Amino acid sequence: MLEVALLVGAAAAYFVPRRKSPLQLAALTAALLLGCQLVLTHWFYLYLPWFFPFAAFAVLAPAAEPQPAPVRAPLERPRQELVGVD
């Protein structure tokens, strides 16, 4: 049962989000590897190097700075008065 949940999680990680940053990819890889290891019947501490580099990169790497959207000048429209001036 846990293996099916792991496969569903792996498929979901493949499709969502559509474009992944290297940081997101490292975090998803670490989560999938850790999930595979947690469902094993025999776990050994030498399995740590399998997921630790991905987890360390995801935790310690600086997040990318968001790129500001280009600012466009507002459109100039003629001003309309609510009350007509006589």
PDB file of N, CA and C in Angstrom:
ATOM      1  N   MET A   1       0.818  -1.203   0.000  1.00  0.00           N
ATOM      2  CA  MET A   1       0.000   0.000   0.000  1.00  0.00           C
ATOM      3  C   MET A   1       0.863   1.268   0.000  1.00  0.00           C
ATOM      4  N   LEU A   2       1.934   1.228   0.797  1.00  0.00           N
ATOM      5  CA  LEU A   2       2.817   2.396   0.828  1.00  0.00           C
ATOM      6  C   LEU A   2       3.541   2.593  -0.493  1.00  0.00           C
ATOM      7  N   GLU A   3       3.825   1.489  -1.180  1.00  0.00           N
ATOM      8  CA  GLU A   3       4.496   1.608  -2.470  1.00  0.00           C
ATOM      9  C   GLU A   3       3.616   2.318  -3.493  1.00  0.00           C
ATOM     10  N   VAL A   4       2.314   2.038  -3.434  1.00  0.00           N
ATOM     11  CA  VAL A   4       1.375   2.704  -4.345  1.00  0.00           C
ATOM     12  C   VAL A   4       1.320   4.192  -4.045  1.00  0.00           C
ATOM     13  N   ALA A   5       1.296   4.536  -2.762  1.00  0.00           N
ATOM     14  CA  ALA A   5       1.284   5.953  -2.383  1.00  0.00           C
ATOM     15  C   ALA A   5       2.564   6.637  -2.841  1.00  0.00           C
ATOM     16  N   LEU A   6       3.687   5.932  -2.762  1.00  0.00           N
ATOM     17  CA  LEU A   6       4.951   6.495  -3.218  1.00  0.00           C
ATOM     18  C   LEU A   6       4.948   6.721  -4.731  1.00  0.00           C
ATOM     19  N   LEU A   7       4.381   5.782  -5.475  1.00  0.00           N
ATOM     20  CA  LEU A   7       4.288   5.948  -6.925  1.00  0.00           C
ATOM     21  C   LEU A   7       3.370   7.105  -7.304  1.00  0.00           C
ATOM     22  N   VAL A   8       2.275   7.257  -6.591  1.00  0.00           N
ATOM     23  CA  VAL A   8       1.371   8.378  -6.851  1.00  0.00           C
ATOM     24  C   VAL A   8       2.068   9.694  -6.525  1.00  0.00           C
ATOM     25  N   GLY A   9       2.814   9.723  -5.426  1.00  0.00           N
ATOM     26  CA  GLY A   9       3.574  10.922  -5.070  1.00  0.00           C
ATOM     27  C   GLY A   9       4.636  11.259  -6.101  1.00  0.00           C
ATOM     28  N   ALA A  10       5.306  10.232  -6.640  1.00  0.00           N
ATOM     29  CA  ALA A  10       6.320  10.463  -7.672  1.00  0.00           C
ATOM     30  C   ALA A  10       5.684  11.010  -8.946  1.00  0.00           C
ATOM     31  N   ALA A  11       4.522  10.475  -9.313  1.00  0.00           N
ATOM     32  CA  ALA A  11       3.823  10.980 -10.503  1.00  0.00           C
ATOM     33  C   ALA A  11       3.354  12.415 -10.290  1.00  0.00           C
ATOM     34  N   ALA A  12       2.872  12.711  -9.101  1.00  0.00           N
ATOM     35  CA  ALA A  12       2.442  14.086  -8.808  1.00  0.00           C
ATOM     36  C   ALA A  12       3.635  15.041  -8.830  1.00  0.00           C
ATOM     37  N   ALA A  13       4.778  14.611  -8.325  1.00  0.00           N
ATOM     38  CA  ALA A  13       5.974  15.458  -8.326  1.00  0.00           C
ATOM     39  C   ALA A  13       6.476  15.694  -9.748  1.00  0.00           C
ATOM     40  N   TYR A  14       6.197  14.761 -10.650  1.00  0.00           N
ATOM     41  CA  TYR A  14       6.606  14.946 -12.042  1.00  0.00           C
ATOM     42  C   TYR A  14       5.774  16.027 -12.731  1.00  0.00           C
ATOM     43  N   PHE A  15       4.481  16.072 -12.446  1.00  0.00           N
ATOM     44  CA  PHE A  15       3.597  16.985 -13.162  1.00  0.00           C
ATOM     45  C   PHE A  15       3.422  18.339 -12.482  1.00  0.00           C
ATOM     46  N   VAL A  16       3.552  18.423 -11.165  1.00  0.00           N
ATOM     47  CA  VAL A  16       3.272  19.677 -10.451  1.00  0.00           C
ATOM     48  C   VAL A  16       4.509  20.093  -9.690  1.00  0.00           C
ATOM     49  N   PRO A  17       5.015  21.277  -9.778  1.00  0.00           N
ATOM     50  CA  PRO A  17       4.719  22.308 -10.762  1.00  0.00           C
ATOM     51  C   PRO A  17       5.336  21.950 -12.108  1.00  0.00           C
ATOM     52  N   ARG A  18       4.817  22.548 -13.147  1.00  0.00           N
ATOM     53  CA  ARG A  18       5.221  22.189 -14.504  1.00  0.00           C
ATOM     54  C   ARG A  18       6.694  22.522 -14.753  1.00  0.00           C
ATOM     55  N   ARG A  19       7.120  23.709 -14.361  1.00  0.00           N
ATOM     56  CA  ARG A  19       8.531  24.098 -14.492  1.00  0.00           C
ATOM     57  C   ARG A  19       9.127  24.148 -13.094  1.00  0.00           C
ATOM     58  N   LYS A  20      10.203  23.410 -12.907  1.00  0.00           N
ATOM     59  CA  LYS A  20      10.827  23.315 -11.594  1.00  0.00           C
ATOM     60  C   LYS A  20      12.189  23.996 -11.618  1.00  0.00           C
ATOM     61  N   SER A  21      12.477  24.719 -10.548  1.00  0.00           N
ATOM     62  CA  SER A  21      13.806  25.295 -10.395  1.00  0.00           C
ATOM     63  C   SER A  21      14.743  24.184  -9.900  1.00  0.00           C
ATOM     64  N   PRO A  22      16.042  24.377 -10.007  1.00  0.00           N
ATOM     65  CA  PRO A  22      16.968  23.362  -9.480  1.00  0.00           C
ATOM     66  C   PRO A  22      16.765  23.114  -7.982  1.00  0.00           C
ATOM     67  N   LEU A  23      16.383  24.134  -7.256  1.00  0.00           N
ATOM     68  CA  LEU A  23      16.129  23.987  -5.825  1.00  0.00           C
ATOM     69  C   LEU A  23      14.909  23.106  -5.575  1.00  0.00           C
ATOM     70  N   GLN A  24      13.840  23.321  -6.325  1.00  0.00           N
ATOM     71  CA  GLN A  24      12.643  22.490  -6.195  1.00  0.00           C
ATOM     72  C   GLN A  24      12.935  21.052  -6.617  1.00  0.00           C
ATOM     73  N   LEU A  25      13.715  20.888  -7.665  1.00  0.00           N
ATOM     74  CA  LEU A  25      14.056  19.557  -8.145  1.00  0.00           C
ATOM     75  C   LEU A  25      14.867  18.790  -7.103  1.00  0.00           C
ATOM     76  N   ALA A  26      15.788  19.462  -6.439  1.00  0.00           N
ATOM     77  CA  ALA A  26      16.579  18.812  -5.386  1.00  0.00           C
ATOM     78  C   ALA A  26      15.695  18.413  -4.214  1.00  0.00           C
ATOM     79  N   ALA A  27      14.768  19.271  -3.823  1.00  0.00           N
ATOM     80  CA  ALA A  27      13.883  18.954  -2.701  1.00  0.00           C
ATOM     81  C   ALA A  27      12.955  17.787  -3.048  1.00  0.00           C
ATOM     82  N   LEU A  28      12.414  17.775  -4.254  1.00  0.00           N
ATOM     83  CA  LEU A  28      11.549  16.664  -4.667  1.00  0.00           C
ATOM     84  C   LEU A  28      12.325  15.355  -4.761  1.00  0.00           C
ATOM     85  N   THR A  29      13.560  15.414  -5.258  1.00  0.00           N
ATOM     86  CA  THR A  29      14.383  14.215  -5.350  1.00  0.00           C
ATOM     87  C   THR A  29      14.685  13.668  -3.961  1.00  0.00           C
ATOM     88  N   ALA A  30      15.036  14.553  -3.027  1.00  0.00           N
ATOM     89  CA  ALA A  30      15.307  14.111  -1.655  1.00  0.00           C
ATOM     90  C   ALA A  30      14.065  13.495  -1.025  1.00  0.00           C
ATOM     91  N   ALA A  31      12.914  14.093  -1.250  1.00  0.00           N
ATOM     92  CA  ALA A  31      11.678  13.557  -0.673  1.00  0.00           C
ATOM     93  C   ALA A  31      11.342  12.190  -1.248  1.00  0.00           C
ATOM     94  N   LEU A  32      11.525  12.018  -2.552  1.00  0.00           N
ATOM     95  CA  LEU A  32      11.231  10.719  -3.168  1.00  0.00           C
ATOM     96  C   LEU A  32      12.213   9.637  -2.714  1.00  0.00           C
ATOM     97  N   LEU A  33      13.491   9.983  -2.638  1.00  0.00           N
ATOM     98  CA  LEU A  33      14.470   8.999  -2.166  1.00  0.00           C
ATOM     99  C   LEU A  33      14.226   8.627  -0.707  1.00  0.00           C
ATOM    100  N   LEU A  34      13.910   9.606   0.107  1.00  0.00           N
ATOM    101  CA  LEU A  34      13.623   9.328   1.513  1.00  0.00           C
ATOM    102  C   LEU A  34      12.358   8.492   1.642  1.00  0.00           C
ATOM    103  N   GLY A  35      11.359   8.774   0.827  1.00  0.00           N
ATOM    104  CA  GLY A  35      10.142   7.973   0.843  1.00  0.00           C
ATOM    105  C   GLY A  35      10.395   6.538   0.439  1.00  0.00           C
ATOM    106  N   CYS A  36      11.260   6.331  -0.553  1.00  0.00           N
ATOM    107  CA  CYS A  36      11.610   4.957  -0.960  1.00  0.00           C
ATOM    108  C   CYS A  36      12.309   4.220   0.174  1.00  0.00           C
ATOM    109  N   GLN A  37      13.167   4.914   0.881  1.00  0.00           N
ATOM    110  CA  GLN A  37      13.917   4.275   1.955  1.00  0.00           C
ATOM    111  C   GLN A  37      13.059   4.013   3.179  1.00  0.00           C
ATOM    112  N   LEU A  38      12.069   4.827   3.427  1.00  0.00           N
ATOM    113  CA  LEU A  38      11.229   4.634   4.606  1.00  0.00           C
ATOM    114  C   LEU A  38      10.324   3.416   4.498  1.00  0.00           C
ATOM    115  N   VAL A  39       9.982   3.015   3.284  1.00  0.00           N
ATOM    116  CA  VAL A  39       9.104   1.856   3.137  1.00  0.00           C
ATOM    117  C   VAL A  39       9.877   0.539   3.079  1.00  0.00           C
ATOM    118  N   LEU A  40      11.195   0.612   3.154  1.00  0.00           N
ATOM    119  CA  LEU A  40      11.995  -0.611   3.147  1.00  0.00           C
ATOM    120  C   LEU A  40      11.810  -1.370   4.462  1.00  0.00           C
ATOM    121  N   THR A  41      11.891  -2.680   4.396  1.00  0.00           N
ATOM    122  CA  THR A  41      11.783  -3.475   5.620  1.00  0.00           C
ATOM    123  C   THR A  41      13.105  -3.478   6.381  1.00  0.00           C
ATOM    124  N   HIS A  42      14.220  -3.320   5.689  1.00  0.00           N
ATOM    125  CA  HIS A  42      15.526  -3.252   6.347  1.00  0.00           C
ATOM    126  C   HIS A  42      16.158  -1.925   5.976  1.00  0.00           C
ATOM    127  N   TRP A  43      16.387  -1.084   6.971  1.00  0.00           N
ATOM    128  CA  TRP A  43      16.978   0.221   6.725  1.00  0.00           C
ATOM    129  C   TRP A  43      18.339   0.260   7.373  1.00  0.00           C
ATOM    130  N   PHE A  44      19.317   0.834   6.678  1.00  0.00           N
ATOM    131  CA  PHE A  44      20.678   0.889   7.172  1.00  0.00           C
ATOM    132  C   PHE A  44      21.161   2.325   7.066  1.00  0.00           C
ATOM    133  N   TYR A  45      22.036   2.738   7.995  1.00  0.00           N
ATOM    134  CA  TYR A  45      22.461   4.132   8.012  1.00  0.00           C
ATOM    135  C   TYR A  45      23.282   4.517   6.787  1.00  0.00           C
ATOM    136  N   LEU A  46      23.813   3.563   6.051  1.00  0.00           N
ATOM    137  CA  LEU A  46      24.563   3.896   4.845  1.00  0.00           C
ATOM    138  C   LEU A  46      23.652   4.330   3.700  1.00  0.00           C
ATOM    139  N   TYR A  47      22.346   4.294   3.906  1.00  0.00           N
ATOM    140  CA  TYR A  47      21.415   4.836   2.905  1.00  0.00           C
ATOM    141  C   TYR A  47      21.350   6.358   2.977  1.00  0.00           C
ATOM    142  N   LEU A  48      21.878   6.952   4.040  1.00  0.00           N
ATOM    143  CA  LEU A  48      21.833   8.409   4.181  1.00  0.00           C
ATOM    144  C   LEU A  48      22.493   9.155   3.021  1.00  0.00           C
ATOM    145  N   PRO A  49      23.648   8.707   2.515  1.00  0.00           N
ATOM    146  CA  PRO A  49      24.256   9.441   1.391  1.00  0.00           C
ATOM    147  C   PRO A  49      23.416   9.460   0.126  1.00  0.00           C
ATOM    148  N   TRP A  50      22.412   8.622   0.041  1.00  0.00           N
ATOM    149  CA  TRP A  50      21.568   8.620  -1.145  1.00  0.00           C
ATOM    150  C   TRP A  50      20.719   9.878  -1.232  1.00  0.00           C
ATOM    151  N   PHE A  51      20.175  10.329  -0.110  1.00  0.00           N
ATOM    152  CA  PHE A  51      19.289  11.488  -0.163  1.00  0.00           C
ATOM    153  C   PHE A  51      19.887  12.738   0.464  1.00  0.00           C
ATOM    154  N   PHE A  52      20.937  12.600   1.292  1.00  0.00           N
ATOM    155  CA  PHE A  52      21.461  13.757   2.017  1.00  0.00           C
ATOM    156  C   PHE A  52      21.961  14.882   1.113  1.00  0.00           C
ATOM    157  N   PRO A  53      22.692  14.619   0.024  1.00  0.00           N
ATOM    158  CA  PRO A  53      23.146  15.746  -0.816  1.00  0.00           C
ATOM    159  C   PRO A  53      21.984  16.570  -1.384  1.00  0.00           C
ATOM    160  N   PHE A  54      20.914  15.897  -1.777  1.00  0.00           N
ATOM    161  CA  PHE A  54      19.762  16.618  -2.322  1.00  0.00           C
ATOM    162  C   PHE A  54      19.059  17.436  -1.226  1.00  0.00           C
ATOM    163  N   ALA A  55      18.922  16.833  -0.057  1.00  0.00           N
ATOM    164  CA  ALA A  55      18.280  17.538   1.052  1.00  0.00           C
ATOM    165  C   ALA A  55      19.138  18.718   1.509  1.00  0.00           C
ATOM    166  N   ALA A  56      20.449  18.534   1.583  1.00  0.00           N
ATOM    167  CA  ALA A  56      21.334  19.618   1.999  1.00  0.00           C
ATOM    168  C   ALA A  56      21.301  20.767   0.993  1.00  0.00           C
ATOM    169  N   PHE A  57      21.314  20.435  -0.290  1.00  0.00           N
ATOM    170  CA  PHE A  57      21.246  21.485  -1.307  1.00  0.00           C
ATOM    171  C   PHE A  57      19.931  22.248  -1.218  1.00  0.00           C
ATOM    172  N   ALA A  58      18.827  21.519  -1.021  1.00  0.00           N
ATOM    173  CA  ALA A  58      17.512  22.168  -0.952  1.00  0.00           C
ATOM    174  C   ALA A  58      17.401  23.067   0.269  1.00  0.00           C
ATOM    175  N   VAL A  59      18.042  22.696   1.361  1.00  0.00           N
ATOM    176  CA  VAL A  59      17.938  23.484   2.596  1.00  0.00           C
ATOM    177  C   VAL A  59      18.942  24.631   2.619  1.00  0.00           C
ATOM    178  N   LEU A  60      20.159  24.407   2.140  1.00  0.00           N
ATOM    179  CA  LEU A  60      21.224  25.387   2.308  1.00  0.00           C
ATOM    180  C   LEU A  60      21.410  26.333   1.120  1.00  0.00           C
ATOM    181  N   ALA A  61      20.931  25.997  -0.035  1.00  0.00           N
ATOM    182  CA  ALA A  61      21.118  26.863  -1.204  1.00  0.00           C
ATOM    183  C   ALA A  61      20.248  28.106  -1.091  1.00  0.00           C
ATOM    184  N   PRO A  62      20.771  29.242  -1.508  1.00  0.00           N
ATOM    185  CA  PRO A  62      19.947  30.462  -1.457  1.00  0.00           C
ATOM    186  C   PRO A  62      18.843  30.408  -2.512  1.00  0.00           C
ATOM    187  N   ALA A  63      17.709  30.940  -2.153  1.00  0.00           N
ATOM    188  CA  ALA A  63      16.582  30.985  -3.089  1.00  0.00           C
ATOM    189  C   ALA A  63      16.871  32.035  -4.156  1.00  0.00           C
ATOM    190  N   ALA A  64      16.394  31.784  -5.340  1.00  0.00           N
ATOM    191  CA  ALA A  64      16.595  32.730  -6.442  1.00  0.00           C
ATOM    192  C   ALA A  64      15.772  33.987  -6.189  1.00  0.00           C
ATOM    193  N   GLU A  65      16.362  35.102  -6.526  1.00  0.00           N
ATOM    194  CA  GLU A  65      15.660  36.376  -6.388  1.00  0.00           C
ATOM    195  C   GLU A  65      14.568  36.466  -7.454  1.00  0.00           C
ATOM    196  N   PRO A  66      13.352  36.809  -7.062  1.00  0.00           N
ATOM    197  CA  PRO A  66      12.304  36.951  -8.080  1.00  0.00           C
ATOM    198  C   PRO A  66      12.604  38.149  -8.986  1.00  0.00           C
ATOM    199  N   GLN A  67      12.393  37.953 -10.249  1.00  0.00           N
ATOM    200  CA  GLN A  67      12.618  39.017 -11.215  1.00  0.00           C
ATOM    201  C   GLN A  67      11.434  39.977 -11.196  1.00  0.00           C
ATOM    202  N   PRO A  68      11.682  41.271 -11.011  1.00  0.00           N
ATOM    203  CA  PRO A  68      10.557  42.208 -11.013  1.00  0.00           C
ATOM    204  C   PRO A  68       9.939  42.320 -12.404  1.00  0.00           C
ATOM    205  N   ALA A  69       8.641  42.456 -12.414  1.00  0.00           N
ATOM    206  CA  ALA A  69       7.932  42.616 -13.686  1.00  0.00           C
ATOM    207  C   ALA A  69       8.221  44.009 -14.236  1.00  0.00           C
ATOM    208  N   PRO A  70       8.336  44.118 -15.540  1.00  0.00           N
ATOM    209  CA  PRO A  70       8.584  45.453 -16.105  1.00  0.00           C
ATOM    210  C   PRO A  70       7.396  46.369 -15.848  1.00  0.00           C
ATOM    211  N   VAL A  71       7.714  47.597 -15.460  1.00  0.00           N
ATOM    212  CA  VAL A  71       6.670  48.574 -15.146  1.00  0.00           C
ATOM    213  C   VAL A  71       6.318  49.318 -16.420  1.00  0.00           C
ATOM    214  N   ARG A  72       5.032  49.299 -16.739  1.00  0.00           N
ATOM    215  CA  ARG A  72       4.571  50.023 -17.920  1.00  0.00           C
ATOM    216  C   ARG A  72       3.876  51.302 -17.477  1.00  0.00           C
ATOM    217  N   ALA A  73       4.028  52.321 -18.291  1.00  0.00           N
ATOM    218  CA  ALA A  73       3.383  53.598 -17.991  1.00  0.00           C
ATOM    219  C   ALA A  73       1.878  53.453 -18.160  1.00  0.00           C
ATOM    220  N   PRO A  74       1.109  54.062 -17.271  1.00  0.00           N
ATOM    221  CA  PRO A  74      -0.352  53.962 -17.410  1.00  0.00           C
ATOM    222  C   PRO A  74      -0.826  54.682 -18.672  1.00  0.00           C
ATOM    223  N   LEU A  75      -1.912  54.218 -19.219  1.00  0.00           N
ATOM    224  CA  LEU A  75      -2.478  54.848 -20.407  1.00  0.00           C
ATOM    225  C   LEU A  75      -3.098  56.186 -20.024  1.00  0.00           C
ATOM    226  N   GLU A  76      -2.825  57.187 -20.852  1.00  0.00           N
ATOM    227  CA  GLU A  76      -3.404  58.510 -20.618  1.00  0.00           C
ATOM    228  C   GLU A  76      -4.754  58.577 -21.307  1.00  0.00           C
ATOM    229  N   ARG A  77      -5.776  58.819 -20.540  1.00  0.00           N
ATOM    230  CA  ARG A  77      -7.126  58.950 -21.078  1.00  0.00           C
ATOM    231  C   ARG A  77      -7.669  60.326 -20.716  1.00  0.00           C
ATOM    232  N   PRO A  78      -8.551  60.859 -21.568  1.00  0.00           N
ATOM    233  CA  PRO A  78      -9.140  62.151 -21.208  1.00  0.00           C
ATOM    234  C   PRO A  78     -10.001  62.007 -19.955  1.00  0.00           C
ATOM    235  N   ARG A  79      -9.922  63.015 -19.124  1.00  0.00           N
ATOM    236  CA  ARG A  79     -10.663  62.987 -17.872  1.00  0.00           C
ATOM    237  C   ARG A  79     -12.134  63.268 -18.129  1.00  0.00           C
ATOM    238  N   GLN A  80     -12.997  62.517 -17.505  1.00  0.00           N
ATOM    239  CA  GLN A  80     -14.438  62.716 -17.666  1.00  0.00           C
ATOM    240  C   GLN A  80     -15.007  63.160 -16.327  1.00  0.00           C
ATOM    241  N   GLU A  81     -15.805  64.189 -16.392  1.00  0.00           N
ATOM    242  CA  GLU A  81     -16.447  64.729 -15.179  1.00  0.00           C
ATOM    243  C   GLU A  81     -17.765  63.996 -14.955  1.00  0.00           C
ATOM    244  N   LEU A  82     -18.093  63.731 -13.701  1.00  0.00           N
ATOM    245  CA  LEU A  82     -19.355  63.095 -13.373  1.00  0.00           C
ATOM    246  C   LEU A  82     -20.535  64.065 -13.519  1.00  0.00           C
ATOM    247  N   VAL A  83     -20.295  65.331 -13.198  1.00  0.00           N
ATOM    248  CA  VAL A  83     -21.354  66.354 -13.279  1.00  0.00           C
ATOM    249  C   VAL A  83     -20.956  67.327 -14.376  1.00  0.00           C
ATOM    250  N   GLY A  84     -21.888  67.583 -15.284  1.00  0.00           N
ATOM    251  CA  GLY A  84     -21.619  68.504 -16.368  1.00  0.00           C
ATOM    252  C   GLY A  84     -21.438  69.927 -15.857  1.00  0.00           C
ATOM    253  N   VAL A  85     -20.495  70.646 -16.426  1.00  0.00           N
ATOM    254  CA  VAL A  85     -20.226  72.018 -16.035  1.00  0.00           C
ATOM    255  C   VAL A  85     -20.925  72.930 -17.042  1.00  0.00           C
ATOM    256  N   ASP A  86     -21.738  73.880 -16.508  1.00  0.00           N
ATOM    257  CA  ASP A  86     -22.471  74.817 -17.392  1.00  0.00           C
ATOM    258  C   ASP A  86     -21.654  76.006 -17.730  1.00  0.00           C
TER     259      ASP A  86
END
